[in-house]
N, C-alpha and C. Protein backbone atom coordinates (compact mmCIF):
# COMPACT_ATOMS: atom_id res chain seq x y z
N MET A 1 -10.10 -11.58 -1.57
CA MET A 1 -9.22 -11.60 -2.66
C MET A 1 -7.77 -11.09 -2.33
N LYS A 2 -6.86 -11.94 -2.57
CA LYS A 2 -5.49 -11.63 -2.42
C LYS A 2 -4.96 -10.36 -3.18
N LYS A 3 -4.35 -9.50 -2.19
CA LYS A 3 -3.80 -8.23 -2.74
C LYS A 3 -2.58 -8.65 -3.85
N TRP A 4 -2.38 -7.76 -5.03
CA TRP A 4 -1.33 -8.16 -5.61
C TRP A 4 -0.17 -7.30 -5.28
N SER A 5 1.20 -7.83 -5.45
CA SER A 5 2.28 -7.08 -5.37
C SER A 5 2.48 -5.90 -6.18
N VAL A 6 3.07 -4.92 -5.77
CA VAL A 6 3.06 -3.78 -6.52
C VAL A 6 4.74 -3.45 -6.67
N VAL A 7 5.17 -3.36 -7.96
CA VAL A 7 6.53 -3.18 -8.29
C VAL A 7 6.51 -1.82 -9.18
N PHE A 8 7.54 -0.91 -8.72
CA PHE A 8 7.81 0.29 -9.38
C PHE A 8 8.92 0.27 -10.37
N GLU A 9 8.86 0.77 -11.87
CA GLU A 9 9.88 0.80 -12.50
C GLU A 9 10.76 1.94 -11.93
N SER A 10 11.93 1.83 -12.00
CA SER A 10 12.92 2.90 -11.37
C SER A 10 12.53 4.19 -11.55
N ASP A 11 11.84 4.52 -12.96
CA ASP A 11 11.49 5.93 -13.39
C ASP A 11 10.13 6.33 -12.56
N ALA A 12 9.42 5.16 -12.69
CA ALA A 12 7.92 5.58 -11.76
C ALA A 12 8.06 5.72 -10.17
N LYS A 13 9.16 5.14 -9.62
CA LYS A 13 9.40 5.30 -8.13
C LYS A 13 10.14 6.94 -7.94
N LYS A 14 10.97 7.42 -9.18
CA LYS A 14 11.25 8.76 -9.28
C LYS A 14 9.95 9.68 -9.21
N ASP A 15 9.07 9.11 -10.19
CA ASP A 15 7.82 10.07 -10.11
C ASP A 15 7.34 10.28 -8.92
N PHE A 16 7.05 8.97 -8.05
CA PHE A 16 6.38 9.12 -6.70
C PHE A 16 7.34 10.03 -5.89
N ASP A 17 8.45 9.66 -5.69
CA ASP A 17 9.57 10.59 -4.81
C ASP A 17 9.22 12.11 -5.19
N ASN A 18 8.95 12.43 -6.37
CA ASN A 18 9.04 13.92 -6.68
C ASN A 18 7.62 14.65 -6.64
N LEU A 19 6.52 13.65 -6.00
CA LEU A 19 5.33 14.26 -6.02
C LEU A 19 5.29 15.07 -4.55
N ASP A 20 4.54 16.27 -4.30
CA ASP A 20 4.43 17.13 -3.20
C ASP A 20 4.03 16.09 -2.25
N GLY A 21 4.06 16.65 -0.88
CA GLY A 21 3.79 16.21 0.17
C GLY A 21 2.29 15.90 0.33
N SER A 22 1.08 16.57 -0.18
CA SER A 22 -0.23 16.25 -0.10
C SER A 22 -0.47 15.11 -1.15
N GLN A 23 0.26 15.21 -2.41
CA GLN A 23 0.13 14.17 -3.54
C GLN A 23 0.32 12.76 -3.03
N LYS A 24 1.50 12.75 -2.34
CA LYS A 24 1.90 11.47 -1.99
C LYS A 24 1.08 10.15 -1.31
N PRO A 25 0.49 10.77 -0.45
CA PRO A 25 -0.61 9.78 0.33
C PRO A 25 -1.83 9.51 -0.28
N GLN A 26 -2.07 10.38 -1.23
CA GLN A 26 -3.51 9.98 -2.07
C GLN A 26 -3.18 9.14 -3.19
N VAL A 27 -1.99 9.42 -3.59
CA VAL A 27 -1.42 8.38 -4.72
C VAL A 27 -1.01 7.10 -4.07
N ALA A 28 -0.62 6.96 -2.99
CA ALA A 28 -0.11 5.64 -2.47
C ALA A 28 -1.54 4.94 -2.07
N LYS A 29 -2.44 5.79 -1.24
CA LYS A 29 -3.79 5.48 -1.14
C LYS A 29 -4.68 4.27 -2.19
N ALA A 30 -4.23 5.13 -3.65
CA ALA A 30 -5.16 4.81 -4.76
C ALA A 30 -4.44 3.46 -5.57
N ILE A 31 -3.06 3.43 -5.24
CA ILE A 31 -2.48 2.36 -5.83
C ILE A 31 -2.70 1.01 -4.64
N ASP A 32 -2.60 1.63 -3.49
CA ASP A 32 -2.89 0.21 -2.48
C ASP A 32 -4.41 -0.35 -2.87
N LYS A 33 -5.46 0.56 -2.95
CA LYS A 33 -6.87 0.40 -3.31
C LYS A 33 -6.67 -0.43 -4.36
N VAL A 34 -6.27 -0.13 -5.45
CA VAL A 34 -6.37 -0.90 -6.95
C VAL A 34 -5.64 -2.47 -6.86
N SER A 35 -4.51 -2.18 -6.12
CA SER A 35 -3.88 -3.55 -6.19
C SER A 35 -4.49 -4.58 -5.30
N GLN A 36 -5.75 -4.41 -4.60
CA GLN A 36 -6.28 -5.60 -4.43
C GLN A 36 -7.38 -5.94 -5.49
N ASN A 37 -7.51 -5.45 -6.24
CA ASN A 37 -8.09 -6.06 -7.42
C ASN A 37 -7.73 -5.05 -8.97
N PRO A 38 -6.11 -5.38 -9.37
CA PRO A 38 -6.01 -4.29 -10.27
C PRO A 38 -6.38 -4.82 -11.82
N LEU A 39 -7.16 -5.94 -12.15
CA LEU A 39 -7.54 -6.31 -13.14
C LEU A 39 -8.31 -5.31 -13.70
N PRO A 40 -8.73 -5.62 -15.11
CA PRO A 40 -9.46 -4.55 -16.09
C PRO A 40 -10.87 -4.70 -15.84
N GLN A 41 -11.36 -3.40 -15.97
CA GLN A 41 -12.73 -3.49 -15.51
C GLN A 41 -13.76 -4.58 -15.95
N SER A 42 -13.45 -4.94 -17.34
CA SER A 42 -14.07 -6.10 -17.99
C SER A 42 -14.09 -7.47 -17.14
N GLU A 43 -13.03 -7.51 -16.33
CA GLU A 43 -12.84 -8.63 -15.72
C GLU A 43 -13.17 -8.61 -13.91
N GLY A 44 -13.95 -7.36 -13.88
CA GLY A 44 -14.48 -7.03 -12.57
C GLY A 44 -13.49 -6.33 -11.67
N GLY A 45 -12.40 -5.86 -12.28
CA GLY A 45 -11.40 -5.18 -11.51
C GLY A 45 -11.59 -3.79 -11.65
N TYR A 46 -10.66 -2.95 -11.10
CA TYR A 46 -10.64 -1.51 -10.92
C TYR A 46 -9.77 -0.69 -12.12
N GLY A 47 -9.09 -1.41 -12.80
CA GLY A 47 -8.15 -0.90 -14.02
C GLY A 47 -9.01 -0.58 -15.19
N LYS A 48 -8.68 0.43 -15.71
CA LYS A 48 -9.19 1.29 -17.25
C LYS A 48 -8.00 0.84 -18.15
N PRO A 49 -8.44 0.10 -19.16
CA PRO A 49 -7.44 -0.46 -20.24
C PRO A 49 -7.25 0.81 -21.05
N LEU A 50 -5.87 0.86 -21.59
CA LEU A 50 -5.62 1.74 -22.41
C LEU A 50 -5.50 1.23 -23.98
N GLY A 51 -5.73 1.79 -24.74
CA GLY A 51 -5.39 1.48 -26.40
C GLY A 51 -4.48 2.57 -27.29
N ASN A 52 -4.55 3.04 -28.16
CA ASN A 52 -4.02 4.09 -28.49
C ASN A 52 -4.47 5.57 -28.26
N LYS A 53 -3.35 6.07 -27.51
CA LYS A 53 -3.46 7.46 -26.92
C LYS A 53 -2.48 8.38 -27.12
N GLY A 54 -2.76 9.39 -27.70
CA GLY A 54 -2.08 10.29 -28.62
C GLY A 54 -1.06 10.03 -29.36
N GLY A 55 -1.42 8.65 -30.31
CA GLY A 55 -0.46 8.18 -31.38
C GLY A 55 0.48 7.15 -30.63
N ASN A 56 0.14 6.91 -29.49
CA ASN A 56 0.99 5.96 -28.93
C ASN A 56 0.39 4.61 -28.63
N ASP A 57 0.70 3.50 -28.96
CA ASP A 57 0.12 2.20 -28.69
C ASP A 57 0.44 1.73 -27.28
N LEU A 58 -0.67 1.70 -26.35
CA LEU A 58 -0.28 1.38 -24.76
C LEU A 58 -1.17 0.16 -24.62
N SER A 59 -1.53 -0.51 -25.42
CA SER A 59 -2.40 -1.73 -25.49
C SER A 59 -1.50 -2.48 -24.17
N GLY A 60 -2.21 -2.98 -23.34
CA GLY A 60 -1.88 -3.84 -22.07
C GLY A 60 -1.53 -3.08 -21.03
N LEU A 61 -1.58 -1.83 -21.14
CA LEU A 61 -1.43 -0.74 -19.64
C LEU A 61 -2.73 -0.64 -19.41
N LEU A 62 -2.86 -0.18 -18.01
CA LEU A 62 -4.38 0.01 -17.35
C LEU A 62 -3.56 1.63 -16.67
N LYS A 63 -4.78 2.12 -16.37
CA LYS A 63 -4.53 3.55 -15.97
C LYS A 63 -5.51 3.67 -14.47
N ILE A 64 -4.87 4.17 -13.59
CA ILE A 64 -5.83 4.65 -12.55
C ILE A 64 -5.82 6.49 -12.41
N LYS A 65 -7.18 6.84 -12.57
CA LYS A 65 -7.20 8.33 -12.66
C LYS A 65 -7.50 9.03 -11.37
N LEU A 66 -6.85 10.09 -11.10
CA LEU A 66 -6.95 10.83 -9.88
C LEU A 66 -7.43 12.25 -10.37
N LYS A 67 -8.67 12.34 -10.55
CA LYS A 67 -9.31 13.55 -11.37
C LYS A 67 -8.87 14.67 -10.40
N ARG A 68 -8.95 14.74 -9.19
CA ARG A 68 -8.77 16.32 -8.41
C ARG A 68 -7.39 16.61 -8.48
N LEU A 69 -6.53 15.43 -8.58
CA LEU A 69 -4.89 15.93 -8.74
C LEU A 69 -4.70 16.16 -10.03
N GLY A 70 -5.42 15.66 -11.03
CA GLY A 70 -4.86 15.77 -12.49
C GLY A 70 -3.98 14.90 -12.84
N LEU A 71 -3.95 13.73 -12.22
CA LEU A 71 -2.79 12.54 -12.27
C LEU A 71 -3.33 11.49 -12.83
N ARG A 72 -2.36 10.83 -13.47
CA ARG A 72 -2.48 9.35 -14.08
C ARG A 72 -1.71 8.45 -13.50
N ILE A 73 -1.84 7.39 -12.96
CA ILE A 73 -1.19 6.08 -12.57
C ILE A 73 -1.22 4.97 -13.66
N LEU A 74 -0.24 4.80 -14.80
CA LEU A 74 -0.16 3.78 -15.60
C LEU A 74 0.47 2.54 -15.27
N TYR A 75 0.04 1.41 -15.30
CA TYR A 75 0.49 -0.05 -14.78
C TYR A 75 0.06 -1.01 -15.93
N ARG A 76 1.39 -2.11 -15.79
CA ARG A 76 1.03 -3.40 -16.31
C ARG A 76 0.70 -4.33 -15.41
N LEU A 77 0.15 -5.62 -15.90
CA LEU A 77 -0.15 -6.47 -15.02
C LEU A 77 0.85 -7.62 -15.58
N VAL A 78 1.47 -8.15 -14.38
CA VAL A 78 2.25 -9.57 -14.55
C VAL A 78 1.51 -10.64 -14.01
N ARG A 79 0.53 -11.14 -14.66
CA ARG A 79 -0.55 -12.20 -14.23
C ARG A 79 0.25 -13.39 -13.39
N GLU A 80 1.04 -14.11 -14.10
CA GLU A 80 1.48 -15.20 -13.63
C GLU A 80 2.41 -15.11 -12.09
N ASN A 81 2.61 -14.01 -11.82
CA ASN A 81 3.17 -13.55 -10.53
C ASN A 81 2.25 -12.85 -9.67
N GLU A 82 1.10 -12.29 -10.29
CA GLU A 82 0.41 -11.20 -9.49
C GLU A 82 0.83 -10.20 -9.08
N VAL A 83 1.74 -9.44 -10.23
CA VAL A 83 2.33 -8.22 -10.05
C VAL A 83 1.79 -7.21 -10.64
N MET A 84 1.61 -5.98 -10.12
CA MET A 84 1.29 -4.91 -10.50
C MET A 84 2.26 -3.88 -10.82
N LYS A 85 2.81 -3.81 -12.03
CA LYS A 85 4.19 -3.05 -12.16
C LYS A 85 3.48 -1.73 -12.68
N ILE A 86 4.28 -0.55 -11.76
CA ILE A 86 3.98 0.90 -12.00
C ILE A 86 4.83 1.20 -13.07
N ILE A 87 4.23 1.91 -14.29
CA ILE A 87 5.12 2.55 -15.19
C ILE A 87 5.65 3.93 -15.03
N VAL A 88 4.43 4.79 -14.99
CA VAL A 88 4.51 6.14 -14.74
C VAL A 88 3.28 6.90 -13.92
N ILE A 89 4.04 7.81 -13.26
CA ILE A 89 2.94 8.51 -12.45
C ILE A 89 3.13 10.13 -13.03
N SER A 90 1.95 10.43 -13.31
CA SER A 90 2.26 12.18 -13.92
C SER A 90 1.16 12.60 -14.47
N VAL A 91 1.08 13.92 -14.81
CA VAL A 91 -0.04 14.62 -15.20
C VAL A 91 -0.77 14.39 -16.31
N ARG A 92 -1.73 14.43 -16.90
CA ARG A 92 -2.19 14.02 -18.11
C ARG A 92 -2.12 15.10 -19.18
N THR A 93 -1.90 16.43 -18.85
CA THR A 93 -1.55 17.34 -19.64
C THR A 93 -1.09 17.28 -21.14
N ASP A 94 -2.19 17.23 -22.13
CA ASP A 94 -1.67 17.30 -23.34
C ASP A 94 -1.01 15.85 -23.76
N ASP A 95 -1.48 15.00 -23.17
CA ASP A 95 -1.28 13.40 -23.36
C ASP A 95 -0.02 13.10 -22.88
N GLU A 96 0.74 13.94 -22.13
CA GLU A 96 2.22 13.92 -21.59
C GLU A 96 2.46 12.43 -20.79
N VAL A 97 1.66 12.08 -20.10
CA VAL A 97 1.83 10.84 -19.42
C VAL A 97 1.62 9.81 -20.23
N TYR A 98 0.92 9.57 -21.28
CA TYR A 98 0.61 8.79 -22.40
C TYR A 98 2.06 8.38 -23.46
N THR A 99 2.80 9.76 -23.64
CA THR A 99 4.11 9.68 -24.23
C THR A 99 5.24 9.49 -23.49
N LEU A 100 4.85 9.77 -22.25
CA LEU A 100 6.18 9.31 -21.26
C LEU A 100 6.07 8.01 -21.01
N ALA A 101 4.78 7.28 -20.93
CA ALA A 101 4.61 5.58 -20.62
C ALA A 101 5.12 5.11 -22.03
N ALA A 102 4.80 5.63 -23.09
CA ALA A 102 5.19 4.92 -24.61
C ALA A 102 7.11 4.71 -24.42
N LYS A 103 7.86 5.87 -24.10
CA LYS A 103 9.03 6.10 -24.12
C LYS A 103 9.45 4.91 -22.97
N ARG A 104 8.94 4.83 -21.96
CA ARG A 104 9.45 4.04 -20.88
C ARG A 104 9.38 2.69 -21.19
N ILE A 105 8.20 2.14 -21.70
CA ILE A 105 8.32 1.07 -22.40
C ILE A 105 9.07 0.28 -23.36
N GLN A 106 9.43 1.29 -24.40
CA GLN A 106 10.32 0.99 -25.22
C GLN A 106 11.70 0.85 -24.46
N SER A 107 12.00 1.89 -23.44
CA SER A 107 13.50 1.28 -22.87
C SER A 107 13.38 0.37 -21.91
N SER A 108 12.23 -0.32 -21.64
CA SER A 108 12.33 -1.23 -20.43
C SER A 108 13.51 -1.14 -19.57
N SER A 109 12.96 0.01 -18.70
CA SER A 109 13.95 0.34 -17.66
C SER A 109 14.15 -0.78 -16.42
N SER A 110 14.90 -0.64 -15.65
CA SER A 110 14.88 -1.92 -14.55
C SER A 110 13.82 -1.62 -13.44
N LEU A 111 13.66 -2.57 -12.47
CA LEU A 111 12.60 -2.64 -11.88
C LEU A 111 13.30 -2.19 -10.43
N THR A 112 12.13 -1.69 -9.77
CA THR A 112 12.57 -1.05 -8.05
C THR A 112 11.37 -2.19 -7.67
N THR A 113 11.60 -2.78 -6.44
CA THR A 113 10.40 -3.63 -5.68
C THR A 113 10.40 -2.72 -4.37
N ASN A 114 10.22 -1.41 -4.41
CA ASN A 114 9.83 -0.53 -3.27
C ASN A 114 8.39 -0.37 -3.24
N SER A 115 7.92 -0.18 -2.20
CA SER A 115 6.55 0.35 -2.17
C SER A 115 6.34 1.76 -1.90
N PRO A 116 5.39 2.61 -2.36
CA PRO A 116 5.23 3.80 -1.77
C PRO A 116 5.32 4.06 -0.31
N SER A 117 6.09 5.01 0.21
CA SER A 117 5.97 5.42 1.85
C SER A 117 6.10 6.81 2.12
C-alpha cells in the first residue's frame, strides 16, 4: 500500500516542535506508521474515528493514541489527494486535546507541508 503524504497544520507543527526530545521520535514513528494506512479501522486502517468529544463535534477526525506518553494526535484525511492532515498533537488531560482540535478546525489555519524530523 502506498504511503499517504503527511501535512501539518501550522499549529500542529508548533505542537510537534514543542515536544521534548524523548517524545519527538516516538510521535514521528507513530505518524509514519499510521500514514501507511490512515483510514478508519472500519475500512481496515489504523485510524480511530472521533465523534462528539467533550461537547465538541469532531466528526471526520481520527486519532492516534500514544498511551505511554499520554498524547493524542488528531488528524483528518483528504482522500482525493491521499493526504493525512495533522490537526493537533497534545495531552488528553480533561479533553484538552479535543477542545483544542475544535478551535483549530473552526479557525482553519494555514498548512505547513513539513514532516517531523
